[in-house]
Amino acid sequence: MRPKTIHFYTNRPHILGFDEAEDIPPTQTITLGANDWDSTGTANVGLRFVKFQNVTSLVLFIVDGDGSSERVRLDRVRIIGETGEKRDQGKLEKVGDDHD
């Protein structure tokens, strides 16, 4: 069956075991639905940029699948991103609470 819920963990000092991964809050949780999969069986997962800056390690924990089988199949993981030097952050400004 396809993965349904995936937990992402960043910069963990060691590989997580199943029990440990269930007890630690993930950096981000993704839940995939039937509409997230294209005709080739591929799902594109967008991660929150602010949570994935300065990442040196990434752990994916497949929590469950979209069926009743005991096995989840994951054929390929492709990570696409940019190094920090290439990003132009521009001018950062605080939004809201304008006291003029």
C-alpha atoms as a PDB file:
ATOM      1  CA  MET A   1       0.000   0.000   0.000  1.00  0.00           C
ATOM      2  CA  ARG A   2       1.006   3.627  -0.414  1.00  0.00           C
ATOM      3  CA  PRO A   3       2.240   5.768   2.469  1.00  0.00           C
ATOM      4  CA  LYS A   4      -0.431   7.926   4.075  1.00  0.00           C
ATOM      5  CA  THR A   5       1.183   9.715   7.032  1.00  0.00           C
ATOM      6  CA  ILE A   6       4.862  10.663   6.986  1.00  0.00           C
ATOM      7  CA  HIS A   7       6.777  12.316   9.808  1.00  0.00           C
ATOM      8  CA  PHE A   8       9.918  14.264   8.952  1.00  0.00           C
ATOM      9  CA  TYR A   9      12.689  14.751  11.522  1.00  0.00           C
ATOM     10  CA  THR A  10      15.702  16.998  10.971  1.00  0.00           C
ATOM     11  CA  ASN A  11      19.187  16.969  12.462  1.00  0.00           C
ATOM     12  CA  ARG A  12      18.715  13.981  14.769  1.00  0.00           C
ATOM     13  CA  PRO A  13      21.982  12.884  16.461  1.00  0.00           C
ATOM     14  CA  HIS A  14      21.255   9.198  15.707  1.00  0.00           C
ATOM     15  CA  ILE A  15      18.905   6.968  13.745  1.00  0.00           C
ATOM     16  CA  LEU A  16      15.473   6.806  15.367  1.00  0.00           C
ATOM     17  CA  GLY A  17      13.856   3.533  16.339  1.00  0.00           C
ATOM     18  CA  PHE A  18      10.137   2.979  15.822  1.00  0.00           C
ATOM     19  CA  ASP A  19       9.202   3.562  19.473  1.00  0.00           C
ATOM     20  CA  GLU A  20      11.388   6.659  19.714  1.00  0.00           C
ATOM     21  CA  ALA A  21       9.968   8.152  16.492  1.00  0.00           C
ATOM     22  CA  GLU A  22       6.437   7.791  17.822  1.00  0.00           C
ATOM     23  CA  ASP A  23       7.331   9.646  21.050  1.00  0.00           C
ATOM     24  CA  ILE A  24       9.292  12.596  19.576  1.00  0.00           C
ATOM     25  CA  PRO A  25       7.410  15.483  17.931  1.00  0.00           C
ATOM     26  CA  PRO A  26       8.282  15.630  14.218  1.00  0.00           C
ATOM     27  CA  THR A  27       9.622  18.685  12.421  1.00  0.00           C
ATOM     28  CA  GLN A  28       6.676  18.346  10.022  1.00  0.00           C
ATOM     29  CA  THR A  29       3.878  15.842   9.399  1.00  0.00           C
ATOM     30  CA  ILE A  30       2.479  15.204   5.922  1.00  0.00           C
ATOM     31  CA  THR A  31      -0.768  13.343   5.277  1.00  0.00           C
ATOM     32  CA  LEU A  32      -1.225  12.137   1.702  1.00  0.00           C
ATOM     33  CA  GLY A  33      -4.663  11.625   0.207  1.00  0.00           C
ATOM     34  CA  ALA A  34      -5.801  10.018  -3.037  1.00  0.00           C
ATOM     35  CA  ASN A  35      -5.642  13.393  -4.837  1.00  0.00           C
ATOM     36  CA  ASP A  36      -1.950  13.842  -3.970  1.00  0.00           C
ATOM     37  CA  TRP A  37      -0.870  10.980  -6.251  1.00  0.00           C
ATOM     38  CA  ASP A  38      -0.480  11.495 -10.004  1.00  0.00           C
ATOM     39  CA  SER A  39      -1.004   8.904 -12.781  1.00  0.00           C
ATOM     40  CA  THR A  40       2.582   7.608 -12.429  1.00  0.00           C
ATOM     41  CA  GLY A  41       2.133   6.865  -8.728  1.00  0.00           C
ATOM     42  CA  THR A  42       4.223   9.846  -7.643  1.00  0.00           C
ATOM     43  CA  ALA A  43       3.363  12.293  -4.879  1.00  0.00           C
ATOM     44  CA  ASN A  44       5.104  15.644  -4.563  1.00  0.00           C
ATOM     45  CA  VAL A  45       5.461  16.693  -0.949  1.00  0.00           C
ATOM     46  CA  GLY A  46       6.073  20.367  -0.246  1.00  0.00           C
ATOM     47  CA  LEU A  47       7.835  21.090   3.023  1.00  0.00           C
ATOM     48  CA  ARG A  48       7.721  24.335   5.008  1.00  0.00           C
ATOM     49  CA  PHE A  49      10.831  26.321   4.140  1.00  0.00           C
ATOM     50  CA  VAL A  50      11.258  27.820   7.609  1.00  0.00           C
ATOM     51  CA  LYS A  51      11.394  24.388   9.234  1.00  0.00           C
ATOM     52  CA  PHE A  52      13.967  22.971   6.838  1.00  0.00           C
ATOM     53  CA  GLN A  53      16.783  25.506   6.921  1.00  0.00           C
ATOM     54  CA  ASN A  54      20.283  24.351   7.873  1.00  0.00           C
ATOM     55  CA  VAL A  55      19.470  20.620   7.635  1.00  0.00           C
ATOM     56  CA  THR A  56      22.342  18.160   7.978  1.00  0.00           C
ATOM     57  CA  SER A  57      20.274  14.982   8.332  1.00  0.00           C
ATOM     58  CA  LEU A  58      16.724  13.989   7.468  1.00  0.00           C
ATOM     59  CA  VAL A  59      14.729  11.047   8.861  1.00  0.00           C
ATOM     60  CA  LEU A  60      11.451   9.944   7.282  1.00  0.00           C
ATOM     61  CA  PHE A  61       9.108   7.868   9.446  1.00  0.00           C
ATOM     62  CA  ILE A  62       6.185   6.261   7.600  1.00  0.00           C
ATOM     63  CA  VAL A  63       3.483   6.169  10.267  1.00  0.00           C
ATOM     64  CA  ASP A  64       0.787   4.341   8.313  1.00  0.00           C
ATOM     65  CA  GLY A  65      -0.516   3.499   4.866  1.00  0.00           C
ATOM     66  CA  ASP A  66      -3.761   4.054   2.995  1.00  0.00           C
ATOM     67  CA  GLY A  67      -5.014   0.488   3.318  1.00  0.00           C
ATOM     68  CA  SER A  68      -5.219  -2.461   5.651  1.00  0.00           C
ATOM     69  CA  SER A  69      -1.977  -4.179   4.647  1.00  0.00           C
ATOM     70  CA  GLU A  70       0.909  -4.463   7.104  1.00  0.00           C
ATOM     71  CA  ARG A  71       3.441  -3.294   4.504  1.00  0.00           C
ATOM     72  CA  VAL A  72       3.959   0.123   2.953  1.00  0.00           C
ATOM     73  CA  ARG A  73       5.880   0.408  -0.292  1.00  0.00           C
ATOM     74  CA  LEU A  74       8.075   3.405  -0.997  1.00  0.00           C
ATOM     75  CA  ASP A  75       9.965   3.064  -4.274  1.00  0.00           C
ATOM     76  CA  ARG A  76      11.911   6.292  -4.413  1.00  0.00           C
ATOM     77  CA  VAL A  77      12.588   9.470  -2.477  1.00  0.00           C
ATOM     78  CA  ARG A  78      13.926  12.477  -4.357  1.00  0.00           C
ATOM     79  CA  ILE A  79      14.953  15.528  -2.372  1.00  0.00           C
ATOM     80  CA  ILE A  80      15.061  18.800  -4.260  1.00  0.00           C
ATOM     81  CA  GLY A  81      16.380  21.924  -2.627  1.00  0.00           C
ATOM     82  CA  GLU A  82      18.936  24.671  -2.716  1.00  0.00           C
ATOM     83  CA  THR A  83      21.912  25.494  -0.574  1.00  0.00           C
ATOM     84  CA  GLY A  84      21.677  28.567   1.611  1.00  0.00           C
ATOM     85  CA  GLU A  85      24.136  30.593  -0.450  1.00  0.00           C
ATOM     86  CA  LYS A  86      21.827  30.561  -3.470  1.00  0.00           C
ATOM     87  CA  ARG A  87      18.787  31.857  -1.589  1.00  0.00           C
ATOM     88  CA  ASP A  88      18.135  35.586  -1.665  1.00  0.00           C
ATOM     89  CA  GLN A  89      16.120  36.310   1.456  1.00  0.00           C
ATOM     90  CA  GLY A  90      15.520  39.919   0.540  1.00  0.00           C
ATOM     91  CA  LYS A  91      14.512  42.365   3.234  1.00  0.00           C
ATOM     92  CA  LEU A  92      12.828  40.786   6.241  1.00  0.00           C
ATOM     93  CA  GLU A  93      10.139  42.875   7.863  1.00  0.00           C
ATOM     94  CA  LYS A  94       7.850  42.292  10.800  1.00  0.00           C
ATOM     95  CA  VAL A  95       4.223  41.954   9.689  1.00  0.00           C
ATOM     96  CA  GLY A  96       1.354  43.234  11.792  1.00  0.00           C
ATOM     97  CA  ASP A  97       1.094  45.303  14.967  1.00  0.00           C
ATOM     98  CA  ASP A  98       1.839  48.613  13.210  1.00  0.00           C
ATOM     99  CA  HIS A  99       1.844  51.310  15.873  1.00  0.00           C
ATOM    100  CA  ASP A 100       1.995  54.550  13.840  1.00  0.00           C
END
